[in-house]
Amino acid sequence: MGLELKPSKTRLIHTLQENEGHKPGFDFLGFNIRQFKAGKYTSGKDSQKRILGFSTIITPSKESQKEHYTKITEVIDKHKAKPQAALIKNLNSIIRGWCNYFSIGCPTKVFYRMDYLLYWKLRRWAIELTPQQRRTLD
């Protein structure tokens, strides 16, 4: 096919142990792919059903989490004087798209954390409204 690897962007890295000062695992397309030692019942298996001794965990990377939270923050800040329905409409598409993209792997802890941060950001948004605007939310 004529494909070539670019040496400046290519590296070999261990996904289970720290190697040459690099953290185990790697980031690829917004995901962090890493392996952890696992016991008999939670370990991955090869094609012959032999226990490997580790489990592969795929989660959203720290950078993609920061980008998502920044995007949500920007949307909330732009809707300071707008109705709640407009804010919900804009946030739903962003959150749904991000969650669908990162739904593979083990994103549960990350989703809980993002939910927690979003709750407090929206709570602060609601408190900052003037008393007259707060009455229209009910």
N, C-alpha and C. Protein backbone atom coordinates (compact mmCIF):
# COMPACT_ATOMS: atom_id res chain seq x y z
N MET A 1 0.82 -1.20 0.00
CA MET A 1 0.00 0.00 0.00
C MET A 1 0.86 1.26 0.00
N GLY A 2 2.13 1.13 0.25
CA GLY A 2 3.02 2.27 0.20
C GLY A 2 3.01 3.11 1.47
N LEU A 3 2.56 2.56 2.57
CA LEU A 3 2.54 3.29 3.83
C LEU A 3 3.91 3.25 4.49
N GLU A 4 4.28 4.37 5.12
CA GLU A 4 5.54 4.42 5.84
C GLU A 4 5.31 4.95 7.24
N LEU A 5 6.12 4.49 8.19
CA LEU A 5 6.06 4.97 9.56
C LEU A 5 6.97 6.18 9.70
N LYS A 6 6.49 7.21 10.38
CA LYS A 6 7.30 8.39 10.62
C LYS A 6 8.03 8.19 11.94
N PRO A 7 9.37 8.12 11.92
CA PRO A 7 10.13 7.81 13.15
C PRO A 7 9.88 8.80 14.29
N SER A 8 9.63 10.06 13.99
CA SER A 8 9.42 11.04 15.07
C SER A 8 8.09 10.82 15.79
N LYS A 9 7.15 10.16 15.15
CA LYS A 9 5.85 9.92 15.76
C LYS A 9 5.67 8.47 16.22
N THR A 10 6.65 7.63 15.96
CA THR A 10 6.53 6.21 16.24
C THR A 10 7.45 5.84 17.41
N ARG A 11 6.91 5.06 18.34
CA ARG A 11 7.71 4.56 19.45
C ARG A 11 7.10 3.25 19.94
N LEU A 12 7.94 2.44 20.51
CA LEU A 12 7.49 1.21 21.15
C LEU A 12 7.40 1.48 22.64
N ILE A 13 6.29 1.10 23.23
CA ILE A 13 6.09 1.36 24.65
C ILE A 13 5.40 0.18 25.29
N HIS A 14 5.76 -0.09 26.53
CA HIS A 14 5.16 -1.20 27.26
C HIS A 14 3.84 -0.71 27.87
N THR A 15 2.80 -1.50 27.78
CA THR A 15 1.49 -1.08 28.30
C THR A 15 1.23 -1.60 29.71
N LEU A 16 2.16 -2.37 30.26
CA LEU A 16 1.96 -2.96 31.58
C LEU A 16 2.93 -2.39 32.62
N GLN A 17 4.15 -2.05 32.20
CA GLN A 17 5.17 -1.58 33.14
C GLN A 17 5.75 -0.25 32.68
N GLU A 18 6.25 0.52 33.66
CA GLU A 18 6.92 1.78 33.32
C GLU A 18 8.24 1.44 32.65
N ASN A 19 8.56 2.16 31.57
CA ASN A 19 9.74 1.85 30.80
C ASN A 19 10.42 3.14 30.36
N GLU A 20 11.68 3.29 30.68
CA GLU A 20 12.50 4.44 30.29
C GLU A 20 11.85 5.77 30.66
N GLY A 21 11.28 5.85 31.83
CA GLY A 21 10.68 7.10 32.30
C GLY A 21 9.30 7.38 31.74
N HIS A 22 8.79 6.55 30.86
CA HIS A 22 7.45 6.71 30.31
C HIS A 22 6.45 5.97 31.16
N LYS A 23 5.28 6.57 31.34
CA LYS A 23 4.21 5.88 32.05
C LYS A 23 3.74 4.71 31.21
N PRO A 24 3.22 3.66 31.85
CA PRO A 24 2.71 2.53 31.06
C PRO A 24 1.48 2.94 30.27
N GLY A 25 1.31 2.36 29.12
CA GLY A 25 0.16 2.66 28.28
C GLY A 25 0.45 3.80 27.32
N PHE A 26 -0.56 4.11 26.50
CA PHE A 26 -0.40 5.18 25.51
C PHE A 26 -1.76 5.78 25.19
N ASP A 27 -1.73 6.99 24.64
CA ASP A 27 -2.95 7.66 24.20
C ASP A 27 -3.07 7.53 22.68
N PHE A 28 -4.27 7.20 22.23
CA PHE A 28 -4.52 7.05 20.79
C PHE A 28 -5.96 7.45 20.51
N LEU A 29 -6.15 8.42 19.64
CA LEU A 29 -7.47 8.92 19.24
C LEU A 29 -8.34 9.30 20.43
N GLY A 30 -7.74 9.90 21.45
CA GLY A 30 -8.48 10.34 22.62
C GLY A 30 -8.67 9.29 23.69
N PHE A 31 -8.20 8.08 23.44
CA PHE A 31 -8.32 7.00 24.41
C PHE A 31 -6.96 6.76 25.07
N ASN A 32 -6.98 6.33 26.32
CA ASN A 32 -5.78 5.88 27.00
C ASN A 32 -5.88 4.36 27.10
N ILE A 33 -4.91 3.67 26.53
CA ILE A 33 -4.92 2.21 26.50
C ILE A 33 -3.80 1.73 27.40
N ARG A 34 -4.16 0.91 28.38
CA ARG A 34 -3.21 0.48 29.38
C ARG A 34 -3.58 -0.92 29.87
N GLN A 35 -2.60 -1.62 30.39
CA GLN A 35 -2.84 -2.95 30.93
C GLN A 35 -2.51 -2.96 32.42
N PHE A 36 -3.25 -3.76 33.18
CA PHE A 36 -3.05 -3.92 34.60
C PHE A 36 -2.93 -5.40 34.92
N LYS A 37 -2.13 -5.70 35.92
CA LYS A 37 -2.06 -7.09 36.37
C LYS A 37 -3.42 -7.49 36.91
N ALA A 38 -3.81 -8.72 36.61
CA ALA A 38 -5.13 -9.19 37.01
C ALA A 38 -5.03 -10.61 37.53
N GLY A 39 -6.00 -10.98 38.32
CA GLY A 39 -6.05 -12.32 38.89
C GLY A 39 -6.64 -13.33 37.92
N LYS A 40 -6.86 -14.49 38.43
CA LYS A 40 -7.34 -15.62 37.64
C LYS A 40 -8.69 -15.34 36.97
N TYR A 41 -9.60 -14.68 37.71
CA TYR A 41 -10.96 -14.53 37.21
C TYR A 41 -11.19 -13.24 36.42
N THR A 42 -10.29 -12.27 36.55
CA THR A 42 -10.47 -11.00 35.84
C THR A 42 -9.44 -10.81 34.73
N SER A 43 -8.60 -11.78 34.52
CA SER A 43 -7.54 -11.69 33.53
C SER A 43 -8.09 -11.90 32.12
N GLY A 44 -7.39 -11.31 31.15
CA GLY A 44 -7.72 -11.55 29.76
C GLY A 44 -7.26 -12.94 29.34
N LYS A 45 -7.76 -13.42 28.21
CA LYS A 45 -7.39 -14.75 27.72
C LYS A 45 -6.97 -14.64 26.26
N ASP A 46 -6.06 -15.52 25.85
CA ASP A 46 -5.63 -15.53 24.46
C ASP A 46 -6.59 -16.38 23.62
N SER A 47 -6.25 -16.61 22.35
CA SER A 47 -7.16 -17.33 21.45
C SER A 47 -7.34 -18.80 21.84
N GLN A 48 -6.38 -19.36 22.61
CA GLN A 48 -6.52 -20.74 23.07
C GLN A 48 -7.11 -20.80 24.48
N LYS A 49 -7.68 -19.71 24.96
CA LYS A 49 -8.34 -19.60 26.27
C LYS A 49 -7.37 -19.73 27.44
N ARG A 50 -6.08 -19.44 27.21
CA ARG A 50 -5.10 -19.45 28.31
C ARG A 50 -5.12 -18.09 29.00
N ILE A 51 -4.97 -18.10 30.32
CA ILE A 51 -4.99 -16.87 31.10
C ILE A 51 -3.70 -16.09 30.86
N LEU A 52 -3.84 -14.78 30.57
CA LEU A 52 -2.68 -13.95 30.27
C LEU A 52 -2.05 -13.31 31.51
N GLY A 53 -2.83 -13.07 32.55
CA GLY A 53 -2.29 -12.46 33.76
C GLY A 53 -2.44 -10.95 33.80
N PHE A 54 -3.08 -10.38 32.80
CA PHE A 54 -3.32 -8.94 32.79
C PHE A 54 -4.65 -8.65 32.12
N SER A 55 -5.15 -7.46 32.34
CA SER A 55 -6.40 -7.02 31.74
C SER A 55 -6.16 -5.68 31.05
N THR A 56 -6.68 -5.51 29.86
CA THR A 56 -6.53 -4.26 29.12
C THR A 56 -7.67 -3.33 29.45
N ILE A 57 -7.33 -2.10 29.83
CA ILE A 57 -8.32 -1.11 30.19
C ILE A 57 -8.22 0.05 29.20
N ILE A 58 -9.35 0.43 28.61
CA ILE A 58 -9.40 1.54 27.66
C ILE A 58 -10.32 2.60 28.24
N THR A 59 -9.78 3.80 28.48
CA THR A 59 -10.53 4.91 29.06
C THR A 59 -10.27 6.18 28.26
N PRO A 60 -11.12 7.20 28.40
CA PRO A 60 -10.82 8.48 27.77
C PRO A 60 -9.54 9.08 28.36
N SER A 61 -8.70 9.65 27.52
CA SER A 61 -7.44 10.23 27.99
C SER A 61 -7.70 11.51 28.79
N LYS A 62 -6.72 11.91 29.58
CA LYS A 62 -6.84 13.13 30.39
C LYS A 62 -7.04 14.35 29.50
N GLU A 63 -6.35 14.39 28.36
CA GLU A 63 -6.48 15.53 27.45
C GLU A 63 -7.89 15.65 26.89
N SER A 64 -8.49 14.52 26.51
CA SER A 64 -9.85 14.56 25.96
C SER A 64 -10.86 14.93 27.04
N GLN A 65 -10.60 14.54 28.29
CA GLN A 65 -11.48 14.94 29.38
C GLN A 65 -11.42 16.45 29.60
N LYS A 66 -10.20 17.00 29.57
CA LYS A 66 -10.03 18.45 29.74
C LYS A 66 -10.70 19.22 28.60
N GLU A 67 -10.52 18.75 27.37
CA GLU A 67 -11.14 19.40 26.22
C GLU A 67 -12.66 19.39 26.34
N HIS A 68 -13.22 18.26 26.75
CA HIS A 68 -14.67 18.14 26.89
C HIS A 68 -15.18 19.09 27.96
N TYR A 69 -14.52 19.13 29.10
CA TYR A 69 -14.94 20.02 30.18
C TYR A 69 -14.81 21.49 29.76
N THR A 70 -13.75 21.81 29.04
CA THR A 70 -13.57 23.18 28.56
C THR A 70 -14.69 23.57 27.60
N LYS A 71 -15.06 22.66 26.71
CA LYS A 71 -16.14 22.93 25.76
C LYS A 71 -17.47 23.15 26.49
N ILE A 72 -17.75 22.31 27.50
CA ILE A 72 -18.97 22.46 28.29
C ILE A 72 -18.97 23.79 29.02
N THR A 73 -17.83 24.15 29.60
CA THR A 73 -17.70 25.42 30.32
C THR A 73 -17.97 26.60 29.40
N GLU A 74 -17.44 26.55 28.19
CA GLU A 74 -17.66 27.63 27.23
C GLU A 74 -19.14 27.77 26.88
N VAL A 75 -19.81 26.64 26.68
CA VAL A 75 -21.23 26.68 26.34
C VAL A 75 -22.04 27.27 27.50
N ILE A 76 -21.74 26.84 28.71
CA ILE A 76 -22.46 27.36 29.87
C ILE A 76 -22.21 28.85 30.04
N ASP A 77 -20.97 29.29 29.84
CA ASP A 77 -20.65 30.71 29.97
C ASP A 77 -21.35 31.55 28.90
N LYS A 78 -21.53 31.01 27.70
CA LYS A 78 -22.22 31.73 26.63
C LYS A 78 -23.72 31.86 26.90
N HIS A 79 -24.26 30.99 27.73
CA HIS A 79 -25.71 30.97 27.99
C HIS A 79 -26.07 31.59 29.34
N LYS A 80 -25.29 32.53 29.80
CA LYS A 80 -25.57 33.13 31.12
C LYS A 80 -26.92 33.84 31.17
N ALA A 81 -27.29 34.51 30.09
CA ALA A 81 -28.54 35.27 30.10
C ALA A 81 -29.62 34.61 29.25
N LYS A 82 -29.39 33.41 28.79
CA LYS A 82 -30.36 32.73 27.94
C LYS A 82 -31.20 31.76 28.75
N PRO A 83 -32.33 31.34 28.21
CA PRO A 83 -33.20 30.42 28.95
C PRO A 83 -32.56 29.03 29.14
N GLN A 84 -33.07 28.35 30.13
CA GLN A 84 -32.58 27.03 30.49
C GLN A 84 -32.74 26.04 29.33
N ALA A 85 -33.83 26.14 28.60
CA ALA A 85 -34.09 25.20 27.50
C ALA A 85 -33.01 25.30 26.42
N ALA A 86 -32.55 26.51 26.14
CA ALA A 86 -31.51 26.69 25.13
C ALA A 86 -30.19 26.07 25.60
N LEU A 87 -29.88 26.24 26.87
CA LEU A 87 -28.66 25.66 27.42
C LEU A 87 -28.72 24.13 27.36
N ILE A 88 -29.85 23.56 27.76
CA ILE A 88 -30.01 22.11 27.75
C ILE A 88 -29.87 21.56 26.33
N LYS A 89 -30.47 22.24 25.38
CA LYS A 89 -30.42 21.79 23.98
C LYS A 89 -28.97 21.74 23.49
N ASN A 90 -28.20 22.78 23.79
CA ASN A 90 -26.81 22.81 23.33
C ASN A 90 -25.93 21.82 24.08
N LEU A 91 -26.15 21.67 25.37
CA LEU A 91 -25.33 20.74 26.15
C LEU A 91 -25.63 19.28 25.80
N ASN A 92 -26.89 18.96 25.54
CA ASN A 92 -27.26 17.57 25.24
C ASN A 92 -26.49 17.01 24.05
N SER A 93 -26.38 17.79 22.99
CA SER A 93 -25.70 17.27 21.80
C SER A 93 -24.21 17.06 22.07
N ILE A 94 -23.59 17.96 22.82
CA ILE A 94 -22.17 17.83 23.14
C ILE A 94 -21.93 16.61 24.03
N ILE A 95 -22.72 16.49 25.08
CA ILE A 95 -22.54 15.40 26.05
C ILE A 95 -22.85 14.05 25.40
N ARG A 96 -23.94 13.99 24.65
CA ARG A 96 -24.33 12.73 24.01
C ARG A 96 -23.26 12.26 23.02
N GLY A 97 -22.74 13.17 22.22
CA GLY A 97 -21.71 12.81 21.26
C GLY A 97 -20.44 12.31 21.92
N TRP A 98 -20.00 13.01 22.99
CA TRP A 98 -18.80 12.62 23.70
C TRP A 98 -18.98 11.25 24.35
N CYS A 99 -20.12 11.04 24.98
CA CYS A 99 -20.39 9.76 25.66
C CYS A 99 -20.50 8.61 24.66
N ASN A 100 -21.11 8.84 23.53
CA ASN A 100 -21.21 7.78 22.52
C ASN A 100 -19.82 7.40 21.98
N TYR A 101 -18.98 8.40 21.76
CA TYR A 101 -17.64 8.13 21.23
C TYR A 101 -16.81 7.33 22.24
N PHE A 102 -16.89 7.68 23.52
CA PHE A 102 -16.07 7.05 24.54
C PHE A 102 -16.79 5.91 25.27
N SER A 103 -17.90 5.42 24.74
CA SER A 103 -18.65 4.37 25.44
C SER A 103 -17.96 3.01 25.39
N ILE A 104 -17.02 2.82 24.47
CA ILE A 104 -16.29 1.54 24.45
C ILE A 104 -15.23 1.55 25.54
N GLY A 105 -14.87 0.41 26.02
CA GLY A 105 -13.86 0.33 27.07
C GLY A 105 -14.49 0.40 28.44
N CYS A 106 -13.82 1.07 29.37
CA CYS A 106 -14.26 1.17 30.76
C CYS A 106 -14.34 2.63 31.19
N PRO A 107 -15.30 3.39 30.67
CA PRO A 107 -15.34 4.82 30.97
C PRO A 107 -16.17 5.19 32.20
N THR A 108 -16.63 4.22 32.99
CA THR A 108 -17.58 4.49 34.06
C THR A 108 -17.07 5.52 35.05
N LYS A 109 -15.85 5.35 35.55
CA LYS A 109 -15.32 6.31 36.52
C LYS A 109 -15.17 7.70 35.92
N VAL A 110 -14.76 7.75 34.67
CA VAL A 110 -14.61 9.05 33.99
C VAL A 110 -15.98 9.70 33.81
N PHE A 111 -16.99 8.92 33.44
CA PHE A 111 -18.34 9.46 33.27
C PHE A 111 -18.87 10.00 34.60
N TYR A 112 -18.64 9.28 35.69
CA TYR A 112 -19.07 9.78 37.01
C TYR A 112 -18.38 11.09 37.35
N ARG A 113 -17.09 11.17 37.06
CA ARG A 113 -16.34 12.39 37.35
C ARG A 113 -16.84 13.56 36.51
N MET A 114 -17.08 13.33 35.22
CA MET A 114 -17.58 14.40 34.35
C MET A 114 -18.99 14.82 34.78
N ASP A 115 -19.81 13.86 35.21
CA ASP A 115 -21.15 14.17 35.70
C ASP A 115 -21.07 15.05 36.94
N TYR A 116 -20.16 14.73 37.84
CA TYR A 116 -19.95 15.51 39.06
C TYR A 116 -19.54 16.95 38.72
N LEU A 117 -18.56 17.10 37.82
CA LEU A 117 -18.10 18.43 37.45
C LEU A 117 -19.20 19.23 36.76
N LEU A 118 -19.96 18.57 35.89
CA LEU A 118 -21.05 19.23 35.18
C LEU A 118 -22.14 19.68 36.15
N TYR A 119 -22.47 18.83 37.12
CA TYR A 119 -23.49 19.19 38.11
C TYR A 119 -23.10 20.48 38.83
N TRP A 120 -21.87 20.57 39.31
CA TRP A 120 -21.46 21.76 40.06
C TRP A 120 -21.36 22.99 39.17
N LYS A 121 -20.98 22.80 37.92
CA LYS A 121 -20.94 23.93 36.98
C LYS A 121 -22.35 24.45 36.71
N LEU A 122 -23.31 23.56 36.51
CA LEU A 122 -24.70 23.97 36.27
C LEU A 122 -25.33 24.55 37.52
N ARG A 123 -24.98 24.03 38.67
CA ARG A 123 -25.50 24.57 39.93
C ARG A 123 -25.06 26.02 40.11
N ARG A 124 -23.78 26.25 39.82
CA ARG A 124 -23.27 27.62 39.93
C ARG A 124 -23.94 28.54 38.90
N TRP A 125 -24.20 27.99 37.70
CA TRP A 125 -24.89 28.78 36.67
C TRP A 125 -26.27 29.19 37.17
N ALA A 126 -27.00 28.26 37.79
CA ALA A 126 -28.36 28.55 38.27
C ALA A 126 -28.34 29.55 39.42
N ILE A 127 -27.37 29.46 40.31
CA ILE A 127 -27.29 30.38 41.44
C ILE A 127 -26.94 31.79 41.00
N GLU A 128 -26.15 31.92 39.94
CA GLU A 128 -25.73 33.24 39.47
C GLU A 128 -26.85 33.99 38.75
N LEU A 129 -27.94 33.31 38.43
CA LEU A 129 -29.06 33.99 37.77
C LEU A 129 -29.67 35.01 38.72
N THR A 130 -30.26 36.03 38.16
CA THR A 130 -30.96 37.01 39.00
C THR A 130 -32.20 36.35 39.59
N PRO A 131 -32.74 36.88 40.69
CA PRO A 131 -33.93 36.27 41.30
C PRO A 131 -35.10 36.14 40.32
N GLN A 132 -35.27 37.13 39.44
CA GLN A 132 -36.37 37.07 38.47
C GLN A 132 -36.15 35.91 37.49
N GLN A 133 -34.91 35.69 37.04
CA GLN A 133 -34.62 34.59 36.13
C GLN A 133 -34.81 33.24 36.83
N ARG A 134 -34.48 33.16 38.12
CA ARG A 134 -34.63 31.91 38.86
C ARG A 134 -36.09 31.49 38.92
N ARG A 135 -37.01 32.46 39.03
CA ARG A 135 -38.43 32.13 39.09
C ARG A 135 -38.91 31.48 37.80
N THR A 136 -38.32 31.86 36.65
CA THR A 136 -38.76 31.30 35.38
C THR A 136 -38.27 29.88 35.19
N LEU A 137 -37.26 29.44 35.97
CA LEU A 137 -36.76 28.07 35.86
C LEU A 137 -37.73 27.06 36.45
N ASP A 138 -38.55 27.49 37.40
CA ASP A 138 -39.48 26.57 38.08
C ASP A 138 -40.60 26.15 37.22
